[in-house]
Amino acid sequence: MNGFGEQTVAAITTAYRVDTVIILPIVNFGSGIATVVAQNIGAGNQERAKKVLKAGMVMISIVSLCLTGLVLAAGGYLIAMFGLTQESVEIGKSFFRAIASCYIVYGLAMAVRGYLEGTGDMLFFRNSRYCFFRS
C-alpha cells in the first residue's frame, strides 16, 4: 500500500472508517429483519414473515438511498473533519463516489440475509477446519 503514497493511504483509511459508521443503519435493519422474521416463523406465520421481508426491503432501500445522498453531498466534509490535506480529501471523495452507489445493493443483500437468518436457512463458518453447521 505504501506505493500509493501517504495521501492516498490516509484518504482511503479515513474514508473506509467513515463508511463503516455510515453503513451501520443498513446492518442494523438486516438484524431487525432477522429478528422479526424469526418471531413470525416461530409463531407459524410464514406469510407475515414474507411481508416483513418486503417491508424491510423497502425501508432498507430508502435508508440506503438517503445514506448515498449523504455520502455524496457531505463525504468530503466528513473526511476533512479528521484533519487531512485537501489532496487526501479529494481522494476520499472519489472513494465515496465509487462506493456510495453500492449502498442500495448492500442494503438489499442485508435484507435477504436477515430473512434467511430469520428462517434458519443459513450456514455459518465455524472454524478454520472448514466445518459448517446449520443454525
N, C-alpha and C. Protein backbone atom coordinates (compact mmCIF):
# COMPACT_ATOMS: atom_id res chain seq x y z
N MET A 1 0.81 -1.20 0.00
CA MET A 1 0.00 0.00 0.00
C MET A 1 0.84 1.25 0.00
N ASN A 2 2.03 1.17 0.56
CA ASN A 2 2.86 2.36 0.64
C ASN A 2 3.18 2.92 -0.74
N GLY A 3 3.12 2.09 -1.78
CA GLY A 3 3.40 2.55 -3.13
C GLY A 3 2.39 3.57 -3.63
N PHE A 4 1.22 3.63 -3.03
CA PHE A 4 0.20 4.59 -3.44
C PHE A 4 0.47 5.98 -2.89
N GLY A 5 1.29 6.08 -1.91
CA GLY A 5 1.62 7.37 -1.33
C GLY A 5 0.86 7.64 -0.04
N GLU A 6 1.43 8.52 0.73
CA GLU A 6 0.90 8.84 2.06
C GLU A 6 -0.51 9.44 1.99
N GLN A 7 -0.74 10.31 1.02
CA GLN A 7 -2.05 10.96 0.91
C GLN A 7 -3.15 9.96 0.59
N THR A 8 -2.85 9.03 -0.31
CA THR A 8 -3.85 8.03 -0.70
C THR A 8 -4.15 7.08 0.45
N VAL A 9 -3.13 6.64 1.14
CA VAL A 9 -3.34 5.73 2.27
C VAL A 9 -4.17 6.42 3.35
N ALA A 10 -3.84 7.65 3.66
CA ALA A 10 -4.60 8.41 4.68
C ALA A 10 -6.06 8.59 4.24
N ALA A 11 -6.25 8.93 2.97
CA ALA A 11 -7.60 9.18 2.47
C ALA A 11 -8.45 7.92 2.50
N ILE A 12 -7.94 6.82 1.99
CA ILE A 12 -8.71 5.58 1.92
C ILE A 12 -8.97 5.03 3.32
N THR A 13 -7.97 5.10 4.18
CA THR A 13 -8.15 4.61 5.55
C THR A 13 -9.24 5.41 6.26
N THR A 14 -9.20 6.71 6.15
CA THR A 14 -10.20 7.56 6.79
C THR A 14 -11.57 7.35 6.17
N ALA A 15 -11.64 7.33 4.86
CA ALA A 15 -12.93 7.14 4.19
C ALA A 15 -13.53 5.78 4.53
N TYR A 16 -12.71 4.76 4.62
CA TYR A 16 -13.21 3.43 4.96
C TYR A 16 -13.79 3.42 6.37
N ARG A 17 -13.15 4.08 7.29
CA ARG A 17 -13.65 4.13 8.67
C ARG A 17 -14.95 4.93 8.75
N VAL A 18 -15.03 6.01 8.03
CA VAL A 18 -16.29 6.77 7.99
C VAL A 18 -17.38 5.92 7.36
N ASP A 19 -17.05 5.22 6.29
CA ASP A 19 -18.02 4.35 5.61
C ASP A 19 -18.53 3.26 6.56
N THR A 20 -17.65 2.71 7.38
CA THR A 20 -18.05 1.68 8.33
C THR A 20 -19.11 2.19 9.29
N VAL A 21 -19.00 3.42 9.72
CA VAL A 21 -20.01 4.01 10.61
C VAL A 21 -21.29 4.31 9.83
N ILE A 22 -21.16 4.79 8.60
CA ILE A 22 -22.32 5.18 7.82
C ILE A 22 -23.21 3.98 7.49
N ILE A 23 -22.65 2.81 7.26
CA ILE A 23 -23.47 1.66 6.88
C ILE A 23 -24.09 0.93 8.07
N LEU A 24 -23.82 1.38 9.29
CA LEU A 24 -24.41 0.72 10.46
C LEU A 24 -25.94 0.65 10.41
N PRO A 25 -26.65 1.68 9.97
CA PRO A 25 -28.12 1.53 9.89
C PRO A 25 -28.56 0.40 8.96
N ILE A 26 -27.84 0.19 7.89
CA ILE A 26 -28.18 -0.89 6.96
C ILE A 26 -27.99 -2.24 7.64
N VAL A 27 -26.88 -2.40 8.33
CA VAL A 27 -26.60 -3.65 9.04
C VAL A 27 -27.65 -3.89 10.12
N ASN A 28 -28.02 -2.84 10.84
CA ASN A 28 -29.00 -2.99 11.91
C ASN A 28 -30.39 -3.30 11.38
N PHE A 29 -30.77 -2.75 10.24
CA PHE A 29 -32.05 -3.12 9.63
C PHE A 29 -32.05 -4.60 9.27
N GLY A 30 -30.94 -5.10 8.76
CA GLY A 30 -30.83 -6.53 8.44
C GLY A 30 -31.02 -7.40 9.67
N SER A 31 -30.42 -6.98 10.78
CA SER A 31 -30.59 -7.72 12.04
C SER A 31 -32.03 -7.65 12.52
N GLY A 32 -32.64 -6.50 12.36
CA GLY A 32 -34.04 -6.35 12.75
C GLY A 32 -34.96 -7.25 11.93
N ILE A 33 -34.69 -7.34 10.64
CA ILE A 33 -35.48 -8.22 9.78
C ILE A 33 -35.33 -9.66 10.25
N ALA A 34 -34.11 -10.07 10.58
CA ALA A 34 -33.87 -11.44 11.05
C ALA A 34 -34.68 -11.73 12.31
N THR A 35 -34.71 -10.79 13.23
CA THR A 35 -35.43 -10.99 14.49
C THR A 35 -36.93 -11.12 14.27
N VAL A 36 -37.51 -10.20 13.48
CA VAL A 36 -38.95 -10.21 13.27
C VAL A 36 -39.37 -11.43 12.44
N VAL A 37 -38.58 -11.79 11.45
CA VAL A 37 -38.87 -12.99 10.66
C VAL A 37 -38.82 -14.23 11.55
N ALA A 38 -37.81 -14.33 12.40
CA ALA A 38 -37.70 -15.48 13.29
C ALA A 38 -38.90 -15.58 14.22
N GLN A 39 -39.38 -14.45 14.72
CA GLN A 39 -40.56 -14.45 15.59
C GLN A 39 -41.78 -14.96 14.84
N ASN A 40 -41.94 -14.51 13.61
CA ASN A 40 -43.10 -14.94 12.83
C ASN A 40 -43.00 -16.41 12.40
N ILE A 41 -41.80 -16.85 12.06
CA ILE A 41 -41.61 -18.26 11.72
C ILE A 41 -41.91 -19.11 12.96
N GLY A 42 -41.42 -18.68 14.10
CA GLY A 42 -41.67 -19.39 15.35
C GLY A 42 -43.15 -19.46 15.69
N ALA A 43 -43.89 -18.42 15.31
CA ALA A 43 -45.34 -18.40 15.56
C ALA A 43 -46.11 -19.13 14.47
N GLY A 44 -45.39 -19.64 13.48
CA GLY A 44 -46.04 -20.39 12.39
C GLY A 44 -46.70 -19.50 11.35
N ASN A 45 -46.26 -18.28 11.25
CA ASN A 45 -46.87 -17.32 10.33
C ASN A 45 -45.91 -17.02 9.17
N GLN A 46 -45.83 -17.94 8.21
CA GLN A 46 -44.92 -17.81 7.07
C GLN A 46 -45.24 -16.58 6.21
N GLU A 47 -46.51 -16.33 6.00
CA GLU A 47 -46.91 -15.22 5.14
C GLU A 47 -46.48 -13.88 5.72
N ARG A 48 -46.62 -13.74 7.02
CA ARG A 48 -46.21 -12.48 7.64
C ARG A 48 -44.69 -12.32 7.56
N ALA A 49 -43.96 -13.42 7.65
CA ALA A 49 -42.50 -13.35 7.53
C ALA A 49 -42.12 -12.83 6.14
N LYS A 50 -42.84 -13.25 5.11
CA LYS A 50 -42.57 -12.75 3.76
C LYS A 50 -42.91 -11.27 3.64
N LYS A 51 -43.98 -10.84 4.33
CA LYS A 51 -44.34 -9.42 4.32
C LYS A 51 -43.27 -8.59 5.02
N VAL A 52 -42.68 -9.15 6.06
CA VAL A 52 -41.60 -8.47 6.77
C VAL A 52 -40.42 -8.25 5.83
N LEU A 53 -40.09 -9.26 5.04
CA LEU A 53 -39.00 -9.11 4.07
C LEU A 53 -39.31 -7.99 3.09
N LYS A 54 -40.52 -7.97 2.55
CA LYS A 54 -40.87 -6.93 1.57
C LYS A 54 -40.82 -5.54 2.20
N ALA A 55 -41.41 -5.40 3.39
CA ALA A 55 -41.38 -4.10 4.07
C ALA A 55 -39.95 -3.71 4.43
N GLY A 56 -39.17 -4.68 4.87
CA GLY A 56 -37.77 -4.41 5.21
C GLY A 56 -36.96 -3.97 4.01
N MET A 57 -37.23 -4.59 2.86
CA MET A 57 -36.51 -4.20 1.64
C MET A 57 -36.84 -2.77 1.25
N VAL A 58 -38.10 -2.39 1.42
CA VAL A 58 -38.49 -1.01 1.11
C VAL A 58 -37.79 -0.04 2.06
N MET A 59 -37.82 -0.36 3.35
CA MET A 59 -37.19 0.53 4.33
C MET A 59 -35.68 0.61 4.13
N ILE A 60 -35.05 -0.52 3.90
CA ILE A 60 -33.60 -0.52 3.67
C ILE A 60 -33.26 0.24 2.39
N SER A 61 -34.09 0.13 1.38
CA SER A 61 -33.84 0.87 0.13
C SER A 61 -33.87 2.37 0.38
N ILE A 62 -34.87 2.82 1.15
CA ILE A 62 -34.98 4.25 1.46
C ILE A 62 -33.77 4.72 2.26
N VAL A 63 -33.41 3.95 3.29
CA VAL A 63 -32.25 4.31 4.12
C VAL A 63 -30.98 4.30 3.28
N SER A 64 -30.82 3.30 2.43
CA SER A 64 -29.62 3.21 1.59
C SER A 64 -29.51 4.41 0.65
N LEU A 65 -30.62 4.80 0.06
CA LEU A 65 -30.60 5.95 -0.84
C LEU A 65 -30.30 7.24 -0.09
N CYS A 66 -30.83 7.36 1.12
CA CYS A 66 -30.53 8.54 1.94
C CYS A 66 -29.04 8.58 2.31
N LEU A 67 -28.49 7.43 2.67
CA LEU A 67 -27.07 7.37 3.01
C LEU A 67 -26.20 7.67 1.78
N THR A 68 -26.64 7.19 0.63
CA THR A 68 -25.92 7.51 -0.61
C THR A 68 -25.88 9.02 -0.83
N GLY A 69 -27.03 9.65 -0.67
CA GLY A 69 -27.10 11.11 -0.81
C GLY A 69 -26.22 11.82 0.21
N LEU A 70 -26.25 11.34 1.44
CA LEU A 70 -25.43 11.94 2.50
C LEU A 70 -23.95 11.85 2.16
N VAL A 71 -23.52 10.68 1.74
CA VAL A 71 -22.10 10.48 1.43
C VAL A 71 -21.67 11.31 0.23
N LEU A 72 -22.52 11.36 -0.79
CA LEU A 72 -22.16 12.14 -1.97
C LEU A 72 -22.13 13.63 -1.67
N ALA A 73 -23.04 14.09 -0.82
CA ALA A 73 -23.10 15.52 -0.51
C ALA A 73 -22.08 15.94 0.54
N ALA A 74 -21.87 15.10 1.55
CA ALA A 74 -21.06 15.52 2.68
C ALA A 74 -19.81 14.67 2.90
N GLY A 75 -19.50 13.76 1.99
CA GLY A 75 -18.36 12.87 2.17
C GLY A 75 -17.05 13.62 2.36
N GLY A 76 -16.84 14.65 1.57
CA GLY A 76 -15.62 15.43 1.70
C GLY A 76 -15.51 16.11 3.06
N TYR A 77 -16.62 16.63 3.56
CA TYR A 77 -16.62 17.29 4.87
C TYR A 77 -16.36 16.28 5.99
N LEU A 78 -16.93 15.08 5.83
CA LEU A 78 -16.72 14.05 6.85
C LEU A 78 -15.25 13.64 6.93
N ILE A 79 -14.60 13.56 5.79
CA ILE A 79 -13.18 13.21 5.77
C ILE A 79 -12.33 14.38 6.27
N ALA A 80 -12.69 15.59 5.89
CA ALA A 80 -11.93 16.77 6.29
C ALA A 80 -11.94 16.98 7.81
N MET A 81 -12.96 16.48 8.48
CA MET A 81 -13.04 16.60 9.94
C MET A 81 -11.85 15.94 10.64
N PHE A 82 -11.21 15.01 9.96
CA PHE A 82 -10.09 14.30 10.55
C PHE A 82 -8.75 14.98 10.28
N GLY A 83 -8.79 16.19 9.72
CA GLY A 83 -7.58 16.98 9.55
C GLY A 83 -6.70 16.57 8.39
N LEU A 84 -7.26 15.94 7.38
CA LEU A 84 -6.46 15.52 6.23
C LEU A 84 -6.23 16.70 5.29
N THR A 85 -5.23 16.57 4.45
CA THR A 85 -4.93 17.61 3.46
C THR A 85 -6.03 17.63 2.39
N GLN A 86 -6.08 18.70 1.63
CA GLN A 86 -7.09 18.82 0.58
C GLN A 86 -6.94 17.72 -0.47
N GLU A 87 -5.71 17.34 -0.75
CA GLU A 87 -5.47 16.25 -1.71
C GLU A 87 -6.08 14.94 -1.19
N SER A 88 -5.90 14.65 0.09
CA SER A 88 -6.47 13.44 0.69
C SER A 88 -7.99 13.50 0.69
N VAL A 89 -8.54 14.66 0.96
CA VAL A 89 -10.00 14.82 0.95
C VAL A 89 -10.55 14.52 -0.44
N GLU A 90 -9.89 15.01 -1.47
CA GLU A 90 -10.35 14.74 -2.85
C GLU A 90 -10.27 13.25 -3.18
N ILE A 91 -9.23 12.59 -2.73
CA ILE A 91 -9.10 11.15 -2.96
C ILE A 91 -10.22 10.41 -2.22
N GLY A 92 -10.49 10.83 -0.99
CA GLY A 92 -11.56 10.23 -0.20
C GLY A 92 -12.92 10.44 -0.83
N LYS A 93 -13.14 11.63 -1.39
CA LYS A 93 -14.41 11.90 -2.08
C LYS A 93 -14.58 10.98 -3.28
N SER A 94 -13.52 10.71 -4.00
CA SER A 94 -13.64 9.80 -5.14
C SER A 94 -13.91 8.38 -4.66
N PHE A 95 -13.35 8.00 -3.51
CA PHE A 95 -13.66 6.71 -2.90
C PHE A 95 -15.16 6.63 -2.60
N PHE A 96 -15.70 7.68 -1.99
CA PHE A 96 -17.13 7.70 -1.67
C PHE A 96 -18.00 7.67 -2.92
N ARG A 97 -17.60 8.38 -3.96
CA ARG A 97 -18.38 8.35 -5.20
C ARG A 97 -18.44 6.93 -5.77
N ALA A 98 -17.36 6.20 -5.63
CA ALA A 98 -17.32 4.83 -6.15
C ALA A 98 -18.14 3.87 -5.30
N ILE A 99 -18.06 4.02 -3.99
CA ILE A 99 -18.70 3.04 -3.11
C ILE A 99 -20.16 3.37 -2.79
N ALA A 100 -20.55 4.63 -2.84
CA ALA A 100 -21.90 5.02 -2.45
C ALA A 100 -22.96 4.40 -3.34
N SER A 101 -22.63 4.17 -4.59
CA SER A 101 -23.61 3.57 -5.50
C SER A 101 -23.90 2.12 -5.14
N CYS A 102 -23.07 1.54 -4.30
CA CYS A 102 -23.26 0.14 -3.88
C CYS A 102 -24.09 0.00 -2.62
N TYR A 103 -24.43 1.11 -1.96
CA TYR A 103 -25.19 1.02 -0.71
C TYR A 103 -26.54 0.34 -0.91
N ILE A 104 -27.21 0.63 -2.00
CA ILE A 104 -28.52 0.02 -2.25
C ILE A 104 -28.39 -1.48 -2.44
N VAL A 105 -27.37 -1.90 -3.16
CA VAL A 105 -27.15 -3.34 -3.37
C VAL A 105 -26.81 -4.01 -2.04
N TYR A 106 -25.95 -3.38 -1.28
CA TYR A 106 -25.58 -3.91 0.03
C TYR A 106 -26.81 -3.98 0.94
N GLY A 107 -27.63 -2.95 0.91
CA GLY A 107 -28.83 -2.93 1.74
C GLY A 107 -29.79 -4.05 1.39
N LEU A 108 -30.03 -4.26 0.11
CA LEU A 108 -30.93 -5.34 -0.30
C LEU A 108 -30.35 -6.70 0.05
N ALA A 109 -29.04 -6.84 -0.08
CA ALA A 109 -28.39 -8.10 0.32
C ALA A 109 -28.54 -8.34 1.82
N MET A 110 -28.44 -7.29 2.62
CA MET A 110 -28.61 -7.43 4.07
C MET A 110 -30.05 -7.79 4.41
N ALA A 111 -31.02 -7.28 3.65
CA ALA A 111 -32.42 -7.64 3.89
C ALA A 111 -32.64 -9.12 3.62
N VAL A 112 -32.14 -9.60 2.51
CA VAL A 112 -32.30 -11.02 2.17
C VAL A 112 -31.54 -11.88 3.18
N ARG A 113 -30.36 -11.45 3.55
CA ARG A 113 -29.59 -12.19 4.55
C ARG A 113 -30.35 -12.27 5.87
N GLY A 114 -30.94 -11.15 6.28
CA GLY A 114 -31.74 -11.13 7.51
C GLY A 114 -32.91 -12.08 7.43
N TYR A 115 -33.57 -12.11 6.28
CA TYR A 115 -34.69 -13.04 6.09
C TYR A 115 -34.22 -14.48 6.20
N LEU A 116 -33.12 -14.80 5.53
CA LEU A 116 -32.60 -16.17 5.58
C LEU A 116 -32.16 -16.55 6.99
N GLU A 117 -31.54 -15.62 7.70
CA GLU A 117 -31.16 -15.89 9.09
C GLU A 117 -32.40 -16.15 9.93
N GLY A 118 -33.43 -15.34 9.72
CA GLY A 118 -34.66 -15.48 10.49
C GLY A 118 -35.38 -16.79 10.24
N THR A 119 -35.28 -17.29 9.02
CA THR A 119 -35.91 -18.57 8.72
C THR A 119 -35.04 -19.74 9.16
N GLY A 120 -33.80 -19.47 9.54
CA GLY A 120 -32.88 -20.53 9.96
C GLY A 120 -32.25 -21.25 8.79
N ASP A 121 -32.33 -20.68 7.63
CA ASP A 121 -31.83 -21.32 6.42
C ASP A 121 -30.46 -20.74 6.03
N MET A 122 -29.53 -20.80 6.98
CA MET A 122 -28.19 -20.26 6.76
C MET A 122 -27.15 -21.27 7.21
N LEU A 123 -26.01 -21.21 6.58
CA LEU A 123 -24.85 -21.97 7.04
C LEU A 123 -23.83 -20.97 7.55
N PHE A 124 -23.24 -21.27 8.69
CA PHE A 124 -22.24 -20.39 9.27
C PHE A 124 -20.90 -21.10 9.30
N PHE A 125 -19.86 -20.36 9.07
CA PHE A 125 -18.50 -20.88 9.13
C PHE A 125 -18.12 -20.99 10.60
N ARG A 126 -17.72 -22.16 11.03
CA ARG A 126 -17.47 -22.38 12.44
C ARG A 126 -16.00 -22.18 12.83
N ASN A 127 -15.08 -22.76 12.10
CA ASN A 127 -13.66 -22.60 12.44
C ASN A 127 -12.81 -22.81 11.19
N SER A 128 -11.51 -22.79 11.38
CA SER A 128 -10.61 -22.86 10.24
C SER A 128 -10.51 -24.26 9.64
N ARG A 129 -11.20 -25.22 10.16
CA ARG A 129 -11.15 -26.58 9.63
C ARG A 129 -12.32 -26.83 8.65
N TYR A 130 -12.92 -25.77 8.16
CA TYR A 130 -13.99 -25.85 7.17
C TYR A 130 -15.19 -26.66 7.66
N CYS A 131 -15.53 -26.45 8.90
CA CYS A 131 -16.68 -27.14 9.49
C CYS A 131 -17.88 -26.20 9.42
N PHE A 132 -18.93 -26.61 8.78
CA PHE A 132 -20.14 -25.81 8.66
C PHE A 132 -21.24 -26.43 9.49
N PHE A 133 -22.11 -25.61 10.03
CA PHE A 133 -23.26 -26.15 10.75
C PHE A 133 -24.47 -25.26 10.48
N ARG A 134 -25.63 -25.84 10.58
CA ARG A 134 -26.87 -25.08 10.39
C ARG A 134 -27.25 -24.41 11.70
N SER A 135 -27.81 -23.24 11.57
CA SER A 135 -28.28 -22.55 12.77
C SER A 135 -29.56 -23.18 13.25
